[in-house]
Structures are given as C-alpha cells and as structure tokens.
Amino acid sequence: MAKWISRIIKWTLGTTTLLLVLGWMFLAAPIFSNFRAGIVEEVLSEQIGQPLYVKGDVSVFPGLISRIMVAGVTIPSEDVSGTNLAELNLLELDLNLVSLLNRQVDLNNLTVDGLQLNLLTQADGSNSWTPRNKLADPEIETKVDAKKSAPDSPVTDNGGILDFLRHRTVSFTSVGLAVDDQVSGFSFIFDLKNLNLDQLDDGARLGITSLGSVNGQAFEIDGSYPTGAPFTTRAKFGELMLSFDGTAVPPEQGGGFMGSLDLDTGEFGDFLDVIGLERVLEGSGKLSADLTSQSGALNIANLSVVVDLAEGQQIMAEGAVENLLTADGIDVSFSARFHPEGQPPVPANELKDLKLAGISANIISEGQSLKFDKLLLATNAFDQGLDQVGPVSIGRIRRTPTGQLALEDISLRVGPREQPYIVAKGNILNLLQLNQLDLAGQLAAPASLVLKDLGEDVAESFGGIKADFAVDDAQGFLSLKKLNAFTVNTDVWALKAHVALGNVTDLDGLEFDFDLDIEDGALFLRALKLDEVDTGPLEISASARGQGKDFSTTLGLGAGTSRLDASLETTVSEGRPKIDGRIFSEQLDINDLKNAIAGVVQLGRIGGSDEVEEPETDKPEVQPLVLPKEEGKPTDLVDFEKLFLDSDLTVLIDLKQISGQKGVSSVSSELTAQEGQVQLGPLEVTYGGGYFKIEAKMDLLETPELVSVSGATSGWDFGKILDAVGLSIDAHGKLRGRFDVTGNRNSIETFINSMYGSASISMSNGNVATSLLELAGLGIFPWLFSEELHQGYTDITCVVAPVRINAGNVTFDSVVAETASVQLVARGAVDWRQDTIALRAEPRRVGRPLARSAWPFDVTGKLSAPNFKLDVGGTRTKRTDGADEMPADRQPCVPDLQQLE
C-alpha cells in the first residue's frame, strides 16, 4: 500500500514538474513565441476593438499577476490600406491570471515605449482609425454584449483604443503622434517624451500628463478626470494656453459633458506657426465659450473672441452655435476694424487710395449655409450697407500646401432667398490676407429694386437687368474678368454694357462699352408716372479702353436731332502722361438741350413729394442754390489740380452749328495744360449777332489759387441791353469791350470779390431817343434850338469807359460819352463789397473843355440806394500847365481837357 502511495506521489510530482516545465516552456521558451504572440494578438484585438499584430517576441513572467512583455506591435488601419494606425517597439502589461481563469481579461499597468500613432484622413474622407461606433464584425459585437452583461468586466463599451485606455494606468515613453488631415490640409506632428495615464484615488480618477513638442513648439498637458466629479484640462502649445473646466452630464440627463473653455493664443504669429499656417499676422487673441457635448452635438454658448493685431487692427465676435459639428443654429455678431482705434485711414482723394476700414455683420445659419444680416462695409470714402447677404455656404475650410487658410467651394447669394439678386460661386485661397480669390456668378435685378415706391405697374414696365460676372486676383491684384449686363422684359428702355478691368484699383486693362437707348423720352417719363416731356429719342453711349498708362474713351449723347460726341486719348511720353481730347458736334439744337434738361428735372422728382411749397411773401422769389456738404462724393476721388500738374493736356471744343435760338451759331475753344500752366481758350462764342472771345489762365506752380481771365466782346446791341436792365429808351449801337482780371478760383463769389485788373467798354455810331445829353452840355437855350431836339434822338459818336478793378472796388478817371455837340466826362469809384458809390460827371460842348459845364451832377452814398445831386450853376476847369488850344487833329472820346496844347 505504501508502495502504491509512494508511486502516486512520485507520479504526481513528476507530472506537476512536467507541467511546470511545459508551462515554463510555453510561457518563456522561444519555440512557443509564435503561440504566445497569437494569444496576445487575439486578447488585445478583442480588448481594443480592432486587429492587432505582434511582429516580435512575447515574454511572460508568470505569477498571480503576470508581467507580459511584447515586442514589435502593429495595429493596421482598417480603412486605409498599407497604413498602420499604431506601431510600438515594446509593450509591457500586467495580466490577472485569476480573472483569466474566470474568463475575464483584466489588463493594467501598461508600459509602452517607442509608440508611433498615425491619425490620418485621406482626401476621400477615409480615416486610419476605426470610428467609435464601428465594430469589427458581428462576432465581436456579440462578445462585447456578453462582457457588458458581466458586472465585473472592466470593459463597459467597445469604443476602440481611447475607451480601452480610459480605464487603465498607462505609461508612454518616446511617443510620436502624426495627425495628418488631407481634407483640411492641417498636419500636427507630436513628439512626446512621455505620456502618462494614471488611475488615481483607487481608480476613481484618471490623470493625464505629457511633455513634448508639437510642430516644433513646446507642448504639455495636465488633465484630471474624476469619475462623477468636475474635471480639468490644461494644455500649452508654445505660448498658446488652453484650459477647459467641466463636468460630466449624468446618463439620465442625456450624458456627455459641459464646461467652460478659455484660450489665449499668446503671440498670434506663434499660434499660426503651431497650426502650420503662414506667419502673416502678429498680435494676440483670446477666446472664451461655454461648451456642451451631448448626443453627437457640440453646443457653444457665450462665445467671445477678440483678436488684437500688432498694427492696431481688431477682430471681434460673440454669439452662440447650437451644434458646431453640423454648423446648425449659428448666431454670431462679427466686427473687424482694419486700422488702429481712433486712427481711421485718411479720406481717399483718388480711387487707388480707397481702403476698407471695417466690416460688421450678424452671421446667422440657414440650413447648411450662412446669412449675413446687416452687413456694413466701411471705407475711407463711403459706407455701404447690405441688408441681405446670404446664405453663404462653404464647401470646405483647409490649409493649402503653402500654409494659407483657404475657403473653397463658396456659394453666395444676395437678396431674397426665394429669388436672389446675385448668385456667385468661387474660392478664397488666402483668407488671412483676403487674396487669391476667384468668384463668378450672375445678377438678376428687377426694376422694383430701385422703383419700389412707384408701384408694381412701373416696375413691370421697366423689366429688369441681367448680368454675368467674374472676378479674381490671380495676377496679384483684383481683376474684373467680365461684366456683361443687359435689360430684359421691357420696351421702355434698352441697356447693354460690357466691363472688364485687369486691375480694379488703377483701371489697368480696362474694357468698357455702354449703350443706353430710349426710343421715346415722353413714353419713358410716362412709365415713371412723371410729367411728359417731348424729348424725342435719347441715346447715351460710351466706350473706354485702357492698357498700362495708355487710355482712350469716347462719349456720345443724342437727344432729338442733336448729337454731341467727346473723345479722350491718354499716352505716356518720357514718363509724363499726355492727354488729347475733343468735344464735337455737327448739329446741336437748343430746344433738344432744353427738353433733355427738363426730362432730367422730371427724373429728379422720383421718390420726392409732388407738393410745391408756396413761397412766403417776405422772401425773395429766387434763392441761391446751397447744397449741403456731402462726404465721400465720387468727385472727391479726382484731383484736377494734380491732373493738370502731372500731365500735359489738350482738349479741343468744336460745336459747329447751334440752332434753336436766334443768334447762337457756334462755339470753339481749346483747353491746354503744360508743365503746370493751364489755359482755356480762346473760347469763341457767337450769339445774337454778338461775339465773345475769352481766355483763362492758371499757374499751378507759382500761384495755384489764382485764375486770370481776359478777353474781348463785340456786336452787342445797346438798345437791347437797355431793355434788359429795365430802361425803356429807344437806342441803337454796337457795344464792344475788353477785360483782363485775376482772382481767387475757390468759387465764383470768391473770384468776383477778390478779382483785380482792368476792363473797358466802348461804342461808336449809335443813337439814343433822347436829347438830355445835349441839354446837360449845351444849356437850356442852345438845346431848344438844337437839331437833336427837333429830330427826337441823339447820334452817339462814341462811348469809352475804361475802369480799374481791385477786390470789389471799381475806379474810373475818364469815362467818356460823346455826341456831335457834347462830350460827357465822368470819374469816380464804385465798391460793391462796401455798397458805396461816388461819381462826378461833367458834360461840355465838344472842343471846349475850359467852358462852364451847364449841368454837372454827382451820384454818392450807397450803391443799393444812391443819392443824385445836380450841381446848379455849373463848374469850370483848367489845365495847370496853361494849355488852352485844341489841336487840329482832335481825337473823339478822348477827354478834351487832356488834348489841349
């Protein structure tokens, strides 16, 4: 019996030893490495929810808690062939054998060395990682469901690697993480010295710490995630500081988490470096928001963003987003100031000086698109409000290979959603610098857009305008590639226009053609519910071409039977622009011009009141037109003084025949500017038998504020002028005159009040139906027997009136009016600024300047209410040198006193 017992004991010990040897060989012997690797692959694949492969050796240090060492582990991507999701040199972990015997896998205290994790997104949207809700196959799903039913299972959800790590203590060393999204273009390369996931407080809190770099910038993270209690996350990328304090939402309340996010970019340029964008901005930015993540939605409330750039510009946004992941429920107020606070850009004097000063808008989501409500563009010339812009949809936001932030596949609508006025599509490939854009679209604007106050019938008769356009800045500047517009659904007017601009800022590469035809001006005004004016057919045509510094344009205006054409050619010679122009008309009818102006006056009533306010009796019937000062007028962008200084200009004016009013026959002139010397004229005008020849000059180098006007006139009927001023005296004679004055050109009023120079008026061989001049010079009795009294009129031999003008003061020493018998000589001064007059006139017999003047008279006092005084008894004169003989060759209209010898 004892022998059998001894044999059983030996057999048992031998078997146990053999099993131990076989177990040791199974766990440690190299021959069983592949077998051990297969088991590890199966267990870990099931734990992480996707395939895992062991390429190296697997070693086991047995015990109740066995230590397992695995070398050369790879986790291939399930969706991206030829790519590994993860690779690692060495994996160590503890395995609870007791739990394993109970068919539960309990892994913990993982140590990972030499990990390379690749989170890749390909251009087609496929990812290198398995989505959280994706299971490898139904068999795994069944196993997971079984594990969920086991109350002691540490795996509560097969959510992939992240969920697997959430419940374990893990230490990583020499970790590399590559996040490369080919859809967005962003790439982040993490090089971490360590990454630790620690189960703290007896497993009730997960702590995460890490040190390393991201895209070459220092990176660190410190997170604390207690179970069922508020958590904190602190991260630093270079100077960028991020903090998120939140709490988990209980499952009965929908699950997820909520908390407050604060972000400080530090130096904004460093932030751009970290995210791989071109460093084109410097400054700092801050962001704060309340986040709530539930049921696949990320809600943002109390969003506040402030970016202060280094040169004083500022960008601000505030608002809320119902779901950031789907871009639903966006309601954000946005504003940008593109200049330092309180230092707006100076007003634009030229088109090239035009700058965008700011943008403000309320951004609202509509479906998958955005709408810009109350969009306001502020410039240094004008503010333009756009009340209905959007929706705007953006196909994708991505980083370009050259490090720029791009908006691609943009779709833009302006106007009512059901029938927008503008529909455009395109890209902005450099959002941070607002360039590299291309945009093309169509415009369809009904006449009701501008005629809405006149009723639907008016809008319907005027149809609308359609256009297609395209803009880009492919050459480094904004170009209008095309704009083709035309009227539709109307017989009232016809418009065709084509515009192209190689460079919008300086009008380089300009192509412009415009043609507006109105077949019947009266019908046009009637359609607008205005008073009809029989203008006949109206036409406005224009074309322009510009390439480099060469520019040409033509303008044509037609009204009734009249036609006016203008042309302008600009070339550059030796760096100085040369401008040649012409204004020409073969036939211009004054009546056509009057009707056209009357039609324009009617158009000015659109949108105004039809009621005419009766003038008050104590106010003058005609008031000077005073316009309120307006800021940002288009004419402010053209500096004519600079144009005349910087270019040589020649413009010819030739109106060959002017009809429709008696006497007007033609106008011709020339405007020139050479090296700062500007001259208009001679301007020659014939009118009613009269003739003007005027010349104006400016010296913009020496006296830029002054303009000199000189000229001559002749052929004016003396009698008609007397009638025009209200003196009903039958008179005849042709007046002629000369003038040469200089004044300040700021305004007509300033010129008149500041001008100085000289002028003269003369007349010869006329007559006037009165003999009062003979009465004053001859005396009563000689006058009674004079020939003029009997014939009822006086022949005027001549009139000469030379005057001197100085800032409103007109002086004259010898104004002479002479008949066959009498010479009247007047001297004095008139000051219209001071409202004064002082005049002395002495009539005498011709050739007898030393005789007594029978009836001299004085005019004094206010110019507006002068005092007339007759010097009863007359007066005598004499020469200081004693001369008292008239010469044989006496000159008419030269004071006789000056001719004595």
Foldseek 3Di string as FASTA:
>chain_A
DVVVVVVVVVVVVVVVVVVVVVVCCCQANPVNFVVVQVVVQVVVCLLQQAGKGAPDGWHWDDDQWIKIKGAWMWGWFPFDPPHTQKTFGMKIWTWRVVVVVVVATDIADIETERMEGEFEADQVGDTSHDAQPDGPDVVSVVVLVVLCVDPPHPQNGNRGDVSSCQQYWYKYAQYWYWYAYPNFRWIKIWGWRMWTWDQPPVNQKTWIWTWTAILNWTKIKTWIGGPQDKIKIWMDHRPKTKIWIKGWDDVVRQTFIKTKIKIKGPWVLSSLSRRQADSPWTFIKIWMWIWTDGDNFIWTAFIWIWTATPQAKIKIKTGIAGGPVQRHFDWMKIKIAPHHPPCFDAAAQALLSKDFGMWIFTWGDDRQFIWTAFIWTDISQDIDTQGTKDRKHFPHWHADPNRAIKTAFIWIFGDDPVDTQKTKTWMQRHVVVRAFIKMKTKGWAFPCVPQVVQDPQLSQQQATKIWIWMWHCPVPAIWTQKIWMWGPNHPQKTKTWIWTAGHPRVRAFIWIKIKIKGQFLQVNLVSSVWHGFGFGIWMWIKIKGHHDFWIKMKIWTDTDPWIKIKMWIWDADPRFIEIEMEIETAEAEVVSVVSVVVSVVRVVCRPHDPDDDDDDPVDDPDDDDDDDDDGNDPNSNDDVQVVLQRHWYKYWYWYQQYHHAPWWGIWIWMWTGDNQKTKIFLIWTTGNQKIWGKMKIARCPPCVQKMKMKTKMKRDWPCVVCVVVPNNKDKGWMKMKIWIKMFGVPDPVRRVQAIWGKMKMKTAFMKIQDCVLVCQAVPDVVSVVDPCVVVRMFTWGMWMWMWTDGRQKIWGFFTWTDGQFKIKTKTWMQGVVVQWTWMKIFMYTPLAQQDWRQWIWIWTDGNVDIDIGIDHPTDGDADPVHFGHADPPDDPSDPNRVRGD
